[in-house]
Amino acid sequence: MKAENIQDIYELSPAQQGILFHSLYSPDSGVYFVQRSFLLHGHLNVVAFECAWQQVVARHTALRTSFYWEKLDKPLQVVHQEVKFPLRQYDWRELTSAEQQKRLEAFLESDRHEGFELSQPPLIRLSLIQLADDSYQIVLSQHHLILDGWSSSLVLKEFVELYEALSHNQDKFLAPSRSYGEYIGWLQQQDLSKAEEFWRRVLSGIKAPTPLIKLNFDKFSSQEERYEDQFLKLSTETTEALKSLAQQHQLTLNTLVQAAWAVLLSRYSGEEEVVYGNIVSGRPVDLVGVESMVGMFINTLPVRVKVDAEQSLVSWLKQLQAQLVEMRQYEYSPLAEVQGWSEIPRGLPLFESIVVFENYPVDQVLQKQKEDLEI
C-alpha cells in the first residue's frame, strides 16, 4: 500500500466489524461473498462497458476500500485514491449451449472459491463472458463488507446510466457522491446512552432467546456450515391480497411479514412473547444525502413481539408497526452492545432467527429494454 495513494482512513461500522470477524473466523464459508449473474442480449460496446465501471469505482469511496486489522487496536478501512478495476473477459462462443452451461456452473463455483483478499482493493470484480455474437453473461462479485443491497442497486443503476451515455458518445452528469466516511463520522457522534436506555426497556425480562425449532447440531464441527436454502414464491393472488390489506389499514408489507414471522415463532416455541432479529437499513434520515450513499449501512437488531390472541388483528398489526417505527431512531446501535444490555446470559444468542425484508429502490433502468441491449 503506497502512502501517496491513500485518500482516507477510518474505523469500521459495528456491522462491518461483525462481518470482518466472521470472515476471518471462517474464511472458507463464503457467507459474505455476494455473487450476481446477468444475461445480456444485443450489441455490447465493451470499451464503454469497462469505462462505465471504472467511473463508478472512481465515484464511490466504498469501492476503493481495503481493510487492515493485524497489529492494530481496532480494524481500519483505507480508501485508496485510485484503484484499477480490471475487466475479466472470456470467449465461449465455440462451445455448445450445454457446454457453456456446464462451464458457467464451474466458473461460478471457482469465482466463489477465489473470494477476496481484504487488504487488496477493489473488493468487487466483474467478468464478461461472450456466449454468442449478441449474447453475454456478466458475473459481478463483491464482498459484503463494502456494499449492502441498497448500495448494490445504486451502483448498478449508475453503471447502466453511464454505459448508455458512453456508448452513444454522450456526457452523463451524476450528482457528486458522498463519502462513506461521512456515515462513519455520524455513527461516532451518536449518544449510546439513549440507545442503552431504549434497549434495556425493550428487552427487560427476556432471559433466553426464542427457539425456532429444536435441531441436533452435534454431528457438525464448530466451523461447519449449518444452513441451507429453501425458496418459496408467493402467488400473485396472495401478494395482491397482502398489498390490499396493507393499503386498507395504512400498514407496510414489512409489518405484515414481521407479524407472520412473530406468529410462527410463537406457535413453534409455545411462547406468547418472542424475540427475533431484524435487518434494518441503518440509513439515518438526519444524514444529508444518505439515500444515495454507497457502502455498508445495514444492521441487525432484535424485535420483541407479544402475540396476544385476545387482541384484534388490525390493532395488533398497527401496534407492531409503531414499535418498528420507534426502533428506527436507534438503528445505529451496535448489536454486541445491545446483547450486553439484555438480561440474556453471556454465551447465549440474543435471537435464533432473522427476518430480512428487502425493499431496495426499484431499478427501473435495469428493467427496461434498450434499443440495442436487453438485460
Protein backbone atom coordinates (compact mmCIF):
# COMPACT_ATOMS: atom_id res chain seq x y z
CA MET A 1 0.00 0.00 0.00
CA LYS A 2 1.53 3.29 -1.13
CA ALA A 3 1.02 6.24 1.21
CA GLU A 4 0.56 8.67 -1.67
CA ASN A 5 -2.43 6.65 -2.88
CA ILE A 6 -4.29 6.85 0.45
CA GLN A 7 -7.30 9.15 0.41
CA ASP A 8 -8.78 8.46 3.83
CA ILE A 9 -8.64 6.11 6.82
CA TYR A 10 -11.44 5.48 9.29
CA GLU A 11 -12.86 2.86 11.63
CA LEU A 12 -15.39 0.20 10.70
CA SER A 13 -19.08 0.38 11.45
CA PRO A 14 -20.34 -2.14 14.06
CA ALA A 15 -21.89 -4.22 11.27
CA GLN A 16 -18.60 -4.21 9.34
CA GLN A 17 -16.75 -5.31 12.46
CA GLY A 18 -19.08 -8.28 12.79
CA ILE A 19 -18.70 -9.23 9.13
CA LEU A 20 -14.91 -8.94 9.33
CA PHE A 21 -14.79 -11.11 12.45
CA HIS A 22 -16.88 -13.88 10.90
CA SER A 23 -14.96 -13.64 7.61
CA LEU A 24 -11.66 -14.16 9.43
CA TYR A 25 -13.06 -16.83 11.75
CA SER A 26 -14.48 -18.92 8.91
CA PRO A 27 -12.74 -17.74 5.72
CA ASP A 28 -13.94 -20.63 3.58
CA SER A 29 -17.64 -20.35 4.44
CA GLY A 30 -18.35 -17.80 1.70
CA VAL A 31 -21.24 -16.38 3.72
CA TYR A 32 -20.33 -12.78 2.92
CA PHE A 33 -19.37 -13.38 -0.70
CA VAL A 34 -22.08 -11.85 -2.91
CA GLN A 35 -22.34 -13.03 -6.50
CA ARG A 36 -24.77 -11.85 -9.17
CA SER A 37 -25.13 -13.08 -12.74
CA PHE A 38 -26.86 -11.29 -15.63
CA LEU A 39 -27.57 -12.38 -19.19
CA LEU A 40 -27.29 -9.67 -21.87
CA HIS A 41 -28.75 -9.84 -25.37
CA GLY A 42 -27.80 -7.40 -28.11
CA HIS A 43 -24.81 -5.38 -29.21
CA LEU A 44 -22.40 -4.60 -26.37
CA ASN A 45 -19.85 -1.80 -26.55
CA VAL A 46 -17.09 -3.42 -24.48
CA VAL A 47 -14.98 -0.26 -24.29
CA ALA A 48 -17.91 1.78 -22.94
CA PHE A 49 -18.82 -1.12 -20.65
CA GLU A 50 -15.40 -1.18 -18.99
CA CYS A 51 -15.11 2.60 -18.87
CA ALA A 52 -18.51 2.93 -17.19
CA TRP A 53 -17.49 0.54 -14.43
CA GLN A 54 -14.20 2.34 -13.89
CA GLN A 55 -16.07 5.63 -13.49
CA VAL A 56 -18.44 4.09 -10.94
CA VAL A 57 -15.48 2.80 -8.93
CA ALA A 58 -13.86 6.23 -9.08
CA ARG A 59 -17.05 7.87 -7.78
CA HIS A 60 -17.51 5.87 -4.57
CA THR A 61 -15.06 5.50 -1.69
CA ALA A 62 -16.56 2.15 -0.65
CA LEU A 63 -15.49 0.62 -3.96
CA ARG A 64 -11.90 1.75 -3.41
CA THR A 65 -11.61 0.49 0.16
CA SER A 66 -9.40 -2.18 1.74
CA PHE A 67 -9.28 -3.46 5.32
CA TYR A 68 -6.47 -3.89 7.85
CA TRP A 69 -6.56 -5.44 11.32
CA GLU A 70 -3.25 -7.13 12.10
CA LYS A 71 -1.21 -5.45 14.87
CA LEU A 72 -3.91 -2.78 15.28
CA ASP A 73 -6.00 -1.97 18.36
CA LYS A 74 -9.04 -1.63 16.09
CA PRO A 75 -9.53 -2.71 12.48
CA LEU A 76 -9.39 0.14 9.97
CA GLN A 77 -10.61 0.67 6.42
CA VAL A 78 -8.41 2.53 3.97
CA VAL A 79 -9.76 4.44 0.99
CA HIS A 80 -7.40 4.49 -1.99
CA GLN A 81 -7.40 7.48 -4.33
CA GLU A 82 -7.09 5.32 -7.42
CA VAL A 83 -8.00 1.69 -7.93
CA LYS A 84 -7.85 -0.15 -11.21
CA PHE A 85 -10.95 -2.17 -11.97
CA PRO A 86 -9.85 -4.85 -14.43
CA LEU A 87 -12.50 -6.46 -16.58
CA ARG A 88 -12.07 -10.21 -16.97
CA GLN A 89 -13.12 -11.26 -20.46
CA TYR A 90 -13.83 -14.76 -21.76
CA ASP A 91 -14.95 -16.03 -25.16
CA TRP A 92 -17.06 -19.20 -25.07
CA ARG A 93 -18.66 -18.86 -28.49
CA GLU A 94 -17.12 -22.10 -29.75
CA LEU A 95 -18.88 -24.12 -27.03
CA THR A 96 -22.33 -25.66 -27.34
CA SER A 97 -25.13 -24.38 -25.09
CA ALA A 98 -24.79 -27.42 -22.86
CA GLU A 99 -21.04 -26.95 -22.61
CA GLN A 100 -21.49 -23.25 -21.81
CA GLN A 101 -23.92 -24.03 -19.01
CA LYS A 102 -21.60 -26.62 -17.52
CA ARG A 103 -18.61 -24.29 -17.74
CA LEU A 104 -20.64 -21.43 -16.23
CA GLU A 105 -21.55 -23.54 -13.20
CA ALA A 106 -17.88 -24.43 -12.72
CA PHE A 107 -16.87 -20.78 -13.24
CA LEU A 108 -19.32 -19.52 -10.61
CA GLU A 109 -18.06 -22.07 -8.11
CA SER A 110 -14.43 -21.18 -8.86
CA ASP A 111 -15.22 -17.48 -8.53
CA ARG A 112 -16.79 -18.06 -5.12
CA HIS A 113 -13.82 -20.17 -4.03
CA GLU A 114 -11.40 -17.42 -5.09
CA GLY A 115 -13.02 -14.96 -2.72
CA PHE A 116 -11.23 -11.70 -1.94
CA GLU A 117 -8.03 -10.61 -0.24
CA LEU A 118 -9.48 -7.97 2.10
CA SER A 119 -6.32 -5.84 2.06
CA GLN A 120 -6.28 -5.65 -1.76
CA PRO A 121 -8.89 -3.36 -3.35
CA PRO A 122 -11.21 -3.42 -5.10
CA LEU A 123 -13.33 -5.96 -3.20
CA ILE A 124 -15.54 -6.19 -6.26
CA ARG A 125 -14.82 -7.78 -9.62
CA LEU A 126 -16.53 -8.18 -12.95
CA SER A 127 -16.34 -10.96 -15.51
CA LEU A 128 -17.72 -10.66 -19.03
CA ILE A 129 -18.33 -13.92 -20.86
CA GLN A 130 -19.29 -13.83 -24.54
CA LEU A 131 -21.67 -16.68 -25.38
CA ALA A 132 -22.60 -15.61 -28.91
CA ASP A 133 -22.11 -12.61 -31.19
CA ASP A 134 -25.04 -10.91 -29.45
CA SER A 135 -25.16 -12.70 -26.08
CA TYR A 136 -23.08 -12.16 -22.93
CA GLN A 137 -23.04 -13.42 -19.37
CA ILE A 138 -21.98 -10.94 -16.69
CA VAL A 139 -20.77 -12.15 -13.31
CA LEU A 140 -20.49 -9.42 -10.67
CA SER A 141 -18.92 -10.45 -7.37
CA GLN A 142 -18.27 -8.42 -4.22
CA HIS A 143 -17.60 -8.74 -0.52
CA HIS A 144 -20.44 -7.76 1.79
CA LEU A 145 -18.02 -5.59 3.79
CA ILE A 146 -18.23 -2.80 1.23
CA LEU A 147 -21.83 -2.88 -0.03
CA ASP A 148 -25.30 -3.69 1.22
CA GLY A 149 -28.21 -4.50 -1.08
CA TRP A 150 -29.44 -0.92 -1.39
CA SER A 151 -25.96 0.26 -2.32
CA SER A 152 -25.57 -2.52 -4.90
CA SER A 153 -28.76 -1.33 -6.55
CA LEU A 154 -27.44 2.23 -6.68
CA VAL A 155 -24.14 1.06 -8.18
CA LEU A 156 -25.89 -0.93 -10.92
CA LYS A 157 -28.17 2.00 -11.71
CA GLU A 158 -25.24 4.38 -12.10
CA PHE A 159 -23.36 1.90 -14.25
CA VAL A 160 -26.27 1.48 -16.70
CA GLU A 161 -26.74 5.25 -16.97
CA LEU A 162 -23.05 5.83 -17.60
CA TYR A 163 -22.84 2.97 -20.10
CA GLU A 164 -25.78 4.31 -22.09
CA ALA A 165 -24.17 7.74 -22.29
CA LEU A 166 -20.68 6.49 -23.16
CA SER A 167 -21.91 4.03 -25.79
CA HIS A 168 -23.59 6.97 -27.56
CA ASN A 169 -20.62 9.35 -27.09
CA GLN A 170 -22.64 11.49 -24.72
CA ASP A 171 -21.81 13.08 -21.38
CA LYS A 172 -23.73 11.95 -18.31
CA PHE A 173 -23.92 14.23 -15.28
CA LEU A 174 -24.29 12.47 -11.96
CA ALA A 175 -24.63 14.33 -8.68
CA PRO A 176 -21.37 14.31 -6.68
CA SER A 177 -21.13 11.23 -4.49
CA ARG A 178 -20.86 11.38 -0.70
CA SER A 179 -18.11 9.51 1.13
CA TYR A 180 -18.98 6.52 3.28
CA GLY A 181 -16.67 8.13 5.83
CA GLU A 182 -19.38 10.73 6.49
CA TYR A 183 -21.59 7.94 7.78
CA ILE A 184 -18.79 6.60 10.00
CA GLY A 185 -18.35 10.11 11.38
CA TRP A 186 -22.09 10.32 12.06
CA LEU A 187 -22.00 6.99 13.90
CA GLN A 188 -19.22 8.17 16.17
CA GLN A 189 -21.29 11.19 17.23
CA GLN A 190 -24.31 9.20 18.40
CA ASP A 191 -25.28 9.02 22.07
CA LEU A 192 -25.19 5.35 23.08
CA SER A 193 -26.68 6.15 26.49
CA LYS A 194 -30.04 6.88 24.86
CA ALA A 195 -29.81 3.66 22.90
CA GLU A 196 -28.94 1.74 26.06
CA GLU A 197 -31.97 3.15 27.88
CA PHE A 198 -34.23 2.16 24.95
CA TRP A 199 -32.94 -1.40 24.56
CA ARG A 200 -32.90 -2.15 28.28
CA ARG A 201 -36.58 -1.17 28.38
CA VAL A 202 -37.48 -3.16 25.27
CA LEU A 203 -35.66 -6.33 26.33
CA SER A 204 -36.46 -6.20 30.04
CA GLY A 205 -37.45 -9.62 31.35
CA ILE A 206 -36.16 -11.63 28.38
CA LYS A 207 -33.91 -14.35 29.83
CA ALA A 208 -33.33 -16.60 26.80
CA PRO A 209 -33.60 -16.47 23.01
CA THR A 210 -36.79 -17.66 21.32
CA PRO A 211 -36.07 -21.03 19.71
CA LEU A 212 -37.29 -21.59 16.17
CA ILE A 213 -37.07 -25.36 16.26
CA LYS A 214 -35.04 -27.96 18.11
CA LEU A 215 -32.17 -29.20 15.90
CA ASN A 216 -29.33 -31.54 16.70
CA PHE A 217 -26.05 -29.91 15.68
CA ASP A 218 -23.83 -32.46 17.46
CA LYS A 219 -22.81 -34.04 14.17
CA PHE A 220 -21.40 -30.75 12.86
CA SER A 221 -17.94 -29.40 13.60
CA SER A 222 -17.68 -25.98 15.22
CA GLN A 223 -16.92 -24.20 11.94
CA GLU A 224 -19.00 -26.32 9.59
CA GLU A 225 -21.83 -24.68 7.69
CA ARG A 226 -25.18 -25.26 9.36
CA TYR A 227 -27.64 -23.83 6.90
CA GLU A 228 -29.35 -24.48 3.59
CA ASP A 229 -31.61 -22.55 1.25
CA GLN A 230 -35.34 -23.04 0.83
CA PHE A 231 -37.19 -20.93 -1.72
CA LEU A 232 -40.92 -20.18 -1.63
CA LYS A 233 -42.55 -17.82 -4.09
CA LEU A 234 -45.90 -16.33 -3.16
CA SER A 235 -48.60 -16.42 -5.80
CA THR A 236 -49.76 -13.24 -7.50
CA GLU A 237 -53.13 -13.59 -5.73
CA THR A 238 -51.55 -13.84 -2.28
CA THR A 239 -49.20 -10.94 -2.98
CA GLU A 240 -52.03 -8.71 -4.17
CA ALA A 241 -54.14 -9.66 -1.14
CA LEU A 242 -51.30 -8.67 1.18
CA LYS A 243 -50.83 -5.37 -0.64
CA SER A 244 -54.56 -4.69 -0.40
CA LEU A 245 -54.63 -5.43 3.33
CA ALA A 246 -51.62 -3.19 3.93
CA GLN A 247 -53.08 -0.32 1.91
CA GLN A 248 -56.51 -0.60 3.52
CA HIS A 249 -55.11 -0.23 7.04
CA GLN A 250 -52.11 2.05 6.33
CA LEU A 251 -49.64 -0.72 7.00
CA THR A 252 -46.43 -1.70 5.23
CA LEU A 253 -45.69 -5.08 3.69
CA ASN A 254 -42.71 -5.25 6.01
CA THR A 255 -45.06 -5.10 9.01
CA LEU A 256 -47.13 -7.98 7.64
CA VAL A 257 -44.04 -10.12 7.02
CA GLN A 258 -42.69 -9.46 10.51
CA ALA A 259 -46.09 -10.17 12.03
CA ALA A 260 -46.29 -13.50 10.21
CA TRP A 261 -42.85 -14.49 11.48
CA ALA A 262 -43.75 -13.48 15.05
CA VAL A 263 -46.89 -15.65 14.95
CA LEU A 264 -44.90 -18.55 13.51
CA LEU A 265 -42.27 -18.25 16.25
CA SER A 266 -44.97 -18.07 18.92
CA ARG A 267 -46.64 -21.25 17.66
CA TYR A 268 -43.41 -23.21 17.32
CA SER A 269 -41.99 -22.13 20.66
CA GLY A 270 -45.24 -22.05 22.61
CA GLU A 271 -44.26 -18.63 23.98
CA GLU A 272 -46.53 -15.59 23.96
CA GLU A 273 -43.59 -13.19 23.71
CA VAL A 274 -40.95 -13.80 21.07
CA VAL A 275 -37.68 -12.18 20.03
CA TYR A 276 -36.14 -12.39 16.58
CA GLY A 277 -33.53 -10.46 14.63
CA ASN A 278 -34.46 -7.85 12.07
CA ILE A 279 -32.21 -6.48 9.33
CA VAL A 280 -32.63 -2.69 9.22
CA SER A 281 -31.44 -0.27 6.54
CA GLY A 282 -29.33 1.70 9.01
CA ARG A 283 -29.56 4.87 6.91
CA PRO A 284 -30.23 7.78 9.28
CA VAL A 285 -32.76 10.29 7.99
CA ASP A 286 -30.80 13.20 9.52
CA LEU A 287 -27.65 12.48 7.48
CA VAL A 288 -27.85 14.60 4.35
CA GLY A 289 -27.65 12.59 1.14
CA VAL A 290 -27.63 9.22 2.90
CA GLU A 291 -30.17 7.75 0.47
CA SER A 292 -27.62 7.99 -2.35
CA MET A 293 -24.55 6.94 -0.35
CA VAL A 294 -22.81 3.70 -1.27
CA GLY A 295 -21.45 1.47 1.47
CA MET A 296 -22.39 -0.97 4.22
CA PHE A 297 -25.23 0.52 6.27
CA ILE A 298 -27.46 -2.35 7.33
CA ASN A 299 -27.61 -3.57 10.90
CA THR A 300 -29.22 -6.49 12.73
CA LEU A 301 -31.28 -5.68 15.80
CA PRO A 302 -33.78 -7.55 18.00
CA VAL A 303 -37.55 -7.21 17.76
CA ARG A 304 -39.68 -8.25 20.75
CA VAL A 305 -43.29 -9.04 19.96
CA LYS A 306 -46.16 -10.08 22.19
CA VAL A 307 -48.58 -12.29 20.28
CA ASP A 308 -51.86 -11.60 22.07
CA ALA A 309 -54.68 -13.90 20.91
CA GLU A 310 -57.23 -11.61 22.57
CA GLN A 311 -56.20 -8.52 20.62
CA SER A 312 -57.79 -7.71 17.27
CA LEU A 313 -55.56 -8.37 14.26
CA VAL A 314 -55.55 -4.82 12.88
CA SER A 315 -54.90 -3.30 16.29
CA TRP A 316 -52.02 -5.71 16.87
CA LEU A 317 -50.52 -5.01 13.44
CA LYS A 318 -50.64 -1.26 13.98
CA GLN A 319 -49.02 -1.69 17.38
CA LEU A 320 -46.22 -3.71 15.81
CA GLN A 321 -45.72 -1.12 13.08
CA ALA A 322 -45.49 1.68 15.65
CA GLN A 323 -42.89 -0.36 17.50
CA LEU A 324 -40.83 -0.81 14.33
CA VAL A 325 -41.04 2.92 13.60
CA GLU A 326 -39.80 3.76 17.10
CA MET A 327 -36.82 1.46 16.58
CA ARG A 328 -35.63 3.45 13.55
CA GLN A 329 -34.04 6.17 15.66
CA TYR A 330 -31.82 3.52 17.28
CA GLU A 331 -30.76 1.61 14.18
CA TYR A 332 -27.18 2.70 14.80
CA SER A 333 -27.00 0.57 17.97
CA PRO A 334 -24.14 -1.98 17.87
CA LEU A 335 -25.63 -5.46 18.23
CA ALA A 336 -22.84 -6.53 20.59
CA GLU A 337 -23.75 -3.67 22.92
CA VAL A 338 -27.47 -4.47 22.71
CA GLN A 339 -26.66 -8.07 23.65
CA GLY A 340 -24.80 -6.80 26.70
CA TRP A 341 -27.71 -4.56 27.72
CA SER A 342 -30.11 -7.50 27.71
CA GLU A 343 -30.69 -9.97 30.54
CA ILE A 344 -29.75 -12.98 28.42
CA PRO A 345 -26.72 -14.76 29.92
CA ARG A 346 -23.37 -14.33 28.22
CA GLY A 347 -22.72 -17.12 25.75
CA LEU A 348 -26.32 -17.36 24.55
CA PRO A 349 -27.50 -15.59 21.38
CA LEU A 350 -29.99 -12.77 21.57
CA PHE A 351 -32.11 -14.43 18.87
CA GLU A 352 -32.04 -17.58 16.77
CA SER A 353 -33.81 -16.35 13.65
CA ILE A 354 -33.60 -13.25 11.46
CA VAL A 355 -36.13 -11.55 9.19
CA VAL A 356 -34.82 -9.79 6.10
CA PHE A 357 -37.31 -7.68 4.15
CA GLU A 358 -35.55 -6.38 1.06
CA ASN A 359 -37.18 -3.32 -0.41
CA TYR A 360 -34.46 -1.56 -2.40
CA PRO A 361 -35.20 1.41 -4.65
CA VAL A 362 -36.62 -0.26 -7.76
CA ASP A 363 -34.06 -0.05 -10.53
CA GLN A 364 -36.24 0.80 -13.50
CA VAL A 365 -33.16 1.28 -15.66
CA LEU A 366 -32.25 -2.41 -15.39
CA GLN A 367 -35.79 -3.50 -16.16
CA LYS A 368 -36.21 -1.51 -19.35
CA GLN A 369 -35.34 -2.91 -22.73
CA LYS A 370 -32.80 -0.77 -24.56
CA GLU A 371 -32.88 -0.19 -28.28
CA ASP A 372 -29.67 -2.22 -28.70
CA LEU A 373 -29.26 -4.15 -25.44
CA GLU A 374 -31.60 -6.14 -23.19
CA ILE A 375 -30.73 -7.15 -19.63
